[in-house]
N, C-alpha and C. Protein backbone atom coordinates (compact mmCIF):
# COMPACT_ATOMS: atom_id res chain seq x y z
N MET A 1 76.98 -54.01 -50.97
CA MET A 1 76.11 -52.89 -50.65
C MET A 1 75.88 -52.80 -49.30
N ILE A 2 75.91 -51.71 -48.64
CA ILE A 2 75.60 -51.58 -47.25
C ILE A 2 74.40 -51.95 -46.77
N GLU A 3 74.18 -52.62 -45.61
CA GLU A 3 72.83 -53.08 -45.20
C GLU A 3 72.18 -52.02 -44.45
N ALA A 4 70.66 -52.17 -44.81
CA ALA A 4 69.97 -50.90 -44.23
C ALA A 4 70.25 -50.62 -42.60
N GLU A 5 70.36 -51.81 -41.75
CA GLU A 5 70.58 -51.73 -40.36
C GLU A 5 71.75 -50.88 -39.95
N THR A 6 72.81 -51.10 -40.98
CA THR A 6 74.06 -50.04 -40.63
C THR A 6 73.87 -48.63 -40.93
N LEU A 7 73.25 -48.54 -42.11
CA LEU A 7 72.91 -47.08 -42.58
C LEU A 7 71.87 -46.57 -41.23
N TYR A 8 71.17 -47.30 -40.80
CA TYR A 8 70.14 -46.73 -39.80
C TYR A 8 71.05 -46.40 -38.40
N LEU A 9 71.96 -47.19 -38.12
CA LEU A 9 72.88 -47.05 -37.10
C LEU A 9 73.78 -45.55 -37.24
N ILE A 10 74.17 -45.41 -38.36
CA ILE A 10 74.96 -44.22 -38.89
C ILE A 10 73.95 -42.98 -38.82
N LEU A 11 72.71 -43.20 -39.21
CA LEU A 11 71.98 -42.07 -39.03
C LEU A 11 71.60 -41.75 -37.48
N GLY A 12 71.59 -42.56 -36.87
CA GLY A 12 71.34 -42.51 -35.25
C GLY A 12 72.55 -41.68 -34.73
N LEU A 13 73.78 -42.28 -35.24
CA LEU A 13 74.95 -41.46 -34.53
C LEU A 13 75.14 -40.05 -35.18
N LEU A 14 74.64 -39.84 -36.21
CA LEU A 14 74.65 -38.48 -36.79
C LEU A 14 73.68 -37.57 -36.08
N ILE A 15 72.38 -38.01 -35.70
CA ILE A 15 71.51 -37.43 -34.83
C ILE A 15 72.35 -37.06 -33.51
N LEU A 16 72.82 -38.10 -33.05
CA LEU A 16 73.57 -37.86 -31.72
C LEU A 16 74.49 -36.62 -31.67
N SER A 17 75.36 -36.72 -33.08
CA SER A 17 76.29 -35.63 -33.28
C SER A 17 75.68 -34.00 -33.24
N ILE A 18 74.45 -34.22 -33.96
CA ILE A 18 73.58 -33.01 -34.15
C ILE A 18 73.30 -32.45 -32.86
N VAL A 19 72.91 -33.48 -32.07
CA VAL A 19 72.36 -32.77 -30.71
C VAL A 19 73.50 -32.23 -29.87
N LEU A 20 74.74 -32.85 -29.96
CA LEU A 20 75.92 -32.31 -29.14
C LEU A 20 76.43 -31.03 -29.70
N CYS A 21 76.11 -30.85 -31.06
CA CYS A 21 76.30 -29.62 -31.76
C CYS A 21 75.56 -28.30 -31.32
N ILE A 22 74.14 -28.78 -31.08
CA ILE A 22 73.20 -27.97 -30.65
C ILE A 22 73.60 -27.37 -29.34
N ILE A 23 74.11 -28.31 -28.57
CA ILE A 23 74.45 -27.82 -27.05
C ILE A 23 75.73 -26.79 -27.09
N ARG A 24 76.41 -27.13 -28.16
CA ARG A 24 77.53 -26.28 -28.34
C ARG A 24 77.23 -24.94 -28.86
N VAL A 25 76.16 -24.76 -29.86
CA VAL A 25 75.46 -23.58 -30.10
C VAL A 25 75.04 -22.88 -29.15
N PHE A 26 74.37 -23.49 -28.35
CA PHE A 26 73.59 -22.78 -27.08
C PHE A 26 74.65 -22.33 -26.08
N LYS A 27 75.56 -23.27 -25.92
CA LYS A 27 76.53 -23.00 -24.72
C LYS A 27 77.77 -22.22 -25.07
N GLY A 28 78.08 -22.16 -26.43
CA GLY A 28 79.28 -21.66 -26.79
C GLY A 28 79.80 -20.37 -26.20
N PRO A 29 80.98 -20.06 -25.52
CA PRO A 29 81.18 -18.96 -24.83
C PRO A 29 81.36 -17.76 -25.77
N THR A 30 81.80 -18.11 -27.21
CA THR A 30 81.96 -16.83 -28.13
C THR A 30 81.21 -17.09 -29.34
N ALA A 31 81.06 -16.00 -30.13
CA ALA A 31 80.26 -16.11 -31.49
C ALA A 31 81.05 -17.02 -32.28
N PRO A 32 82.32 -16.92 -32.44
CA PRO A 32 82.78 -17.93 -33.34
C PRO A 32 82.61 -19.40 -33.18
N ASP A 33 82.60 -19.72 -31.66
CA ASP A 33 82.33 -21.06 -31.42
C ASP A 33 80.82 -21.49 -31.85
N ARG A 34 80.04 -20.41 -31.67
CA ARG A 34 78.44 -20.83 -32.09
C ARG A 34 78.54 -21.13 -33.68
N VAL A 35 79.09 -20.27 -34.34
CA VAL A 35 79.21 -20.38 -35.81
C VAL A 35 79.74 -21.52 -36.22
N VAL A 36 80.80 -22.04 -35.62
CA VAL A 36 81.44 -23.24 -35.94
C VAL A 36 80.63 -24.59 -35.59
N GLY A 37 79.81 -24.36 -34.50
CA GLY A 37 78.89 -25.42 -34.09
C GLY A 37 77.53 -25.36 -35.21
N LEU A 38 77.17 -24.27 -35.48
CA LEU A 38 76.09 -24.15 -36.52
C LEU A 38 76.46 -24.66 -38.04
N ASP A 39 77.90 -24.30 -38.26
CA ASP A 39 78.39 -24.69 -39.59
C ASP A 39 78.65 -26.33 -39.51
N THR A 40 78.81 -26.84 -38.33
CA THR A 40 79.13 -28.48 -38.15
C THR A 40 77.57 -28.93 -38.37
N ILE A 41 76.61 -28.58 -37.76
CA ILE A 41 75.21 -28.78 -37.68
C ILE A 41 74.99 -28.93 -39.17
N ASN A 42 74.99 -28.04 -40.03
CA ASN A 42 74.87 -27.94 -41.33
C ASN A 42 75.26 -29.00 -42.13
N THR A 43 76.72 -29.32 -41.86
CA THR A 43 77.38 -30.28 -42.50
C THR A 43 76.95 -31.80 -42.07
N LEU A 44 76.58 -31.92 -40.82
CA LEU A 44 75.92 -33.27 -40.61
C LEU A 44 74.69 -33.40 -41.07
N VAL A 45 73.81 -32.17 -41.25
CA VAL A 45 72.62 -32.55 -41.79
C VAL A 45 72.67 -32.79 -43.33
N ILE A 46 73.42 -32.41 -44.06
CA ILE A 46 73.90 -32.79 -45.50
C ILE A 46 74.33 -34.15 -45.51
N VAL A 47 75.14 -34.65 -44.60
CA VAL A 47 75.56 -36.00 -44.66
C VAL A 47 74.47 -37.20 -44.25
N SER A 48 73.52 -36.60 -43.27
CA SER A 48 72.42 -37.39 -42.94
C SER A 48 71.36 -37.57 -44.32
N MET A 49 71.20 -36.49 -44.89
CA MET A 49 70.39 -36.31 -46.10
C MET A 49 70.97 -37.45 -46.96
N ILE A 50 72.36 -37.54 -47.23
CA ILE A 50 72.92 -38.16 -48.28
C ILE A 50 72.55 -39.88 -47.77
N VAL A 51 72.97 -40.08 -46.48
CA VAL A 51 72.56 -41.52 -46.06
C VAL A 51 71.20 -41.88 -46.09
N TYR A 52 70.30 -40.94 -45.79
CA TYR A 52 68.86 -41.22 -45.81
C TYR A 52 68.52 -41.51 -47.33
N GLY A 53 69.10 -40.75 -48.36
CA GLY A 53 68.87 -41.12 -49.65
C GLY A 53 69.33 -42.48 -50.08
N LEU A 54 70.52 -42.90 -49.36
CA LEU A 54 71.00 -44.15 -49.68
C LEU A 54 69.98 -45.33 -49.21
N VAL A 55 69.49 -45.03 -47.88
CA VAL A 55 68.56 -45.95 -47.58
C VAL A 55 67.15 -46.06 -48.10
N SER A 56 66.63 -44.94 -48.46
CA SER A 56 65.33 -45.04 -49.14
C SER A 56 65.57 -45.20 -50.69
N SER A 57 66.78 -45.12 -51.12
CA SER A 57 67.06 -45.36 -52.38
C SER A 57 66.19 -44.28 -53.33
N SER A 58 66.50 -43.22 -52.81
CA SER A 58 65.88 -41.85 -53.50
C SER A 58 66.92 -40.83 -54.01
N VAL A 59 66.94 -40.62 -55.08
CA VAL A 59 67.97 -39.53 -55.47
C VAL A 59 67.58 -38.08 -55.13
N ILE A 60 66.36 -37.74 -54.90
CA ILE A 60 66.16 -36.58 -54.59
C ILE A 60 66.76 -35.80 -53.30
N TYR A 61 67.05 -36.69 -52.45
CA TYR A 61 67.49 -36.44 -50.97
C TYR A 61 68.98 -36.09 -51.38
N ILE A 62 69.81 -36.62 -52.25
CA ILE A 62 71.02 -36.33 -52.70
C ILE A 62 70.99 -34.80 -53.05
N ASP A 63 70.10 -34.78 -54.20
CA ASP A 63 69.94 -33.27 -54.77
C ASP A 63 69.61 -32.10 -53.80
N VAL A 64 68.89 -32.49 -52.98
CA VAL A 64 68.43 -31.56 -51.93
C VAL A 64 69.70 -31.36 -51.03
N ALA A 65 70.52 -32.34 -50.74
CA ALA A 65 71.76 -32.04 -50.04
C ALA A 65 72.79 -31.26 -50.64
N ILE A 66 72.77 -31.35 -51.94
CA ILE A 66 73.71 -30.49 -52.80
C ILE A 66 73.28 -29.01 -52.92
N VAL A 67 71.99 -28.82 -52.87
CA VAL A 67 71.57 -27.36 -52.74
C VAL A 67 71.75 -26.73 -51.47
N TYR A 68 71.38 -27.66 -50.48
CA TYR A 68 71.76 -27.30 -49.16
C TYR A 68 73.03 -26.99 -48.73
N ALA A 69 73.82 -27.45 -49.30
CA ALA A 69 75.39 -27.45 -49.16
C ALA A 69 75.86 -26.18 -49.73
N LEU A 70 75.25 -25.91 -50.88
CA LEU A 70 75.73 -24.45 -51.59
C LEU A 70 75.00 -23.49 -50.51
N LEU A 71 73.83 -23.51 -50.16
CA LEU A 71 73.25 -22.44 -49.32
C LEU A 71 73.94 -22.37 -48.01
N SER A 72 74.45 -23.32 -47.50
CA SER A 72 75.12 -23.46 -46.16
C SER A 72 76.44 -22.73 -46.18
N TYR A 73 77.16 -23.07 -47.36
CA TYR A 73 78.52 -22.50 -47.71
C TYR A 73 78.22 -20.86 -47.83
N ILE A 74 77.51 -20.52 -48.51
CA ILE A 74 77.18 -18.81 -48.61
C ILE A 74 76.83 -18.18 -47.42
N SER A 75 75.92 -19.05 -46.64
CA SER A 75 75.66 -18.53 -45.22
C SER A 75 76.65 -18.59 -44.35
N THR A 76 77.58 -19.44 -44.33
CA THR A 76 78.78 -19.39 -43.50
C THR A 76 79.63 -18.33 -44.03
N LEU A 77 79.78 -17.60 -45.26
CA LEU A 77 80.57 -16.75 -45.58
C LEU A 77 79.97 -15.58 -45.21
N PHE A 78 78.67 -15.12 -45.40
CA PHE A 78 78.07 -13.99 -44.80
C PHE A 78 78.20 -13.84 -43.24
N ILE A 79 78.19 -14.74 -42.70
CA ILE A 79 78.33 -14.76 -41.09
C ILE A 79 79.67 -14.48 -40.70
N ALA A 80 80.65 -15.11 -41.40
CA ALA A 80 82.00 -14.79 -41.16
C ALA A 80 82.36 -13.22 -41.40
N LYS A 81 81.84 -12.80 -42.49
CA LYS A 81 82.08 -11.44 -43.10
C LYS A 81 81.40 -10.46 -41.82
N TYR A 82 80.25 -10.78 -41.48
CA TYR A 82 79.59 -9.96 -40.31
C TYR A 82 80.38 -9.96 -39.09
N LEU A 83 81.00 -11.26 -38.49
CA LEU A 83 81.66 -11.18 -37.28
C LEU A 83 83.01 -10.53 -37.55
N GLU A 84 83.74 -10.35 -38.70
CA GLU A 84 84.65 -9.72 -39.02
C GLU A 84 84.53 -8.23 -38.75
N GLY A 85 83.34 -7.85 -39.11
CA GLY A 85 83.11 -6.39 -38.87
C GLY A 85 82.93 -5.63 -40.22
N GLY A 86 83.06 -6.45 -41.31
CA GLY A 86 83.03 -5.87 -42.55
C GLY A 86 81.59 -5.66 -43.02
N GLU A 87 81.55 -4.91 -44.31
CA GLU A 87 80.19 -4.70 -45.01
C GLU A 87 79.79 -5.80 -45.82
N PHE A 88 78.82 -5.82 -46.19
CA PHE A 88 78.17 -7.02 -47.31
C PHE A 88 78.48 -6.38 -48.55
């Protein structure tokens, strides 16, 4: 089993990655760059929920992460369709 200190280090690195992606979202020169940054943030949040679920030994975080992943996927599809210029 992975030690709690290692998982907290992983959570810290994930939070640092999220901060870097937030910078990309605000600074991105084009809309697709911002969408990719936002999608990456969503993925990192999902991974963070799963890691936190491991640290706290709580299954509810993993269940919420699965639902959040599905919603994130659907929202990414809608944003891509909007940027393409198509109708919903």
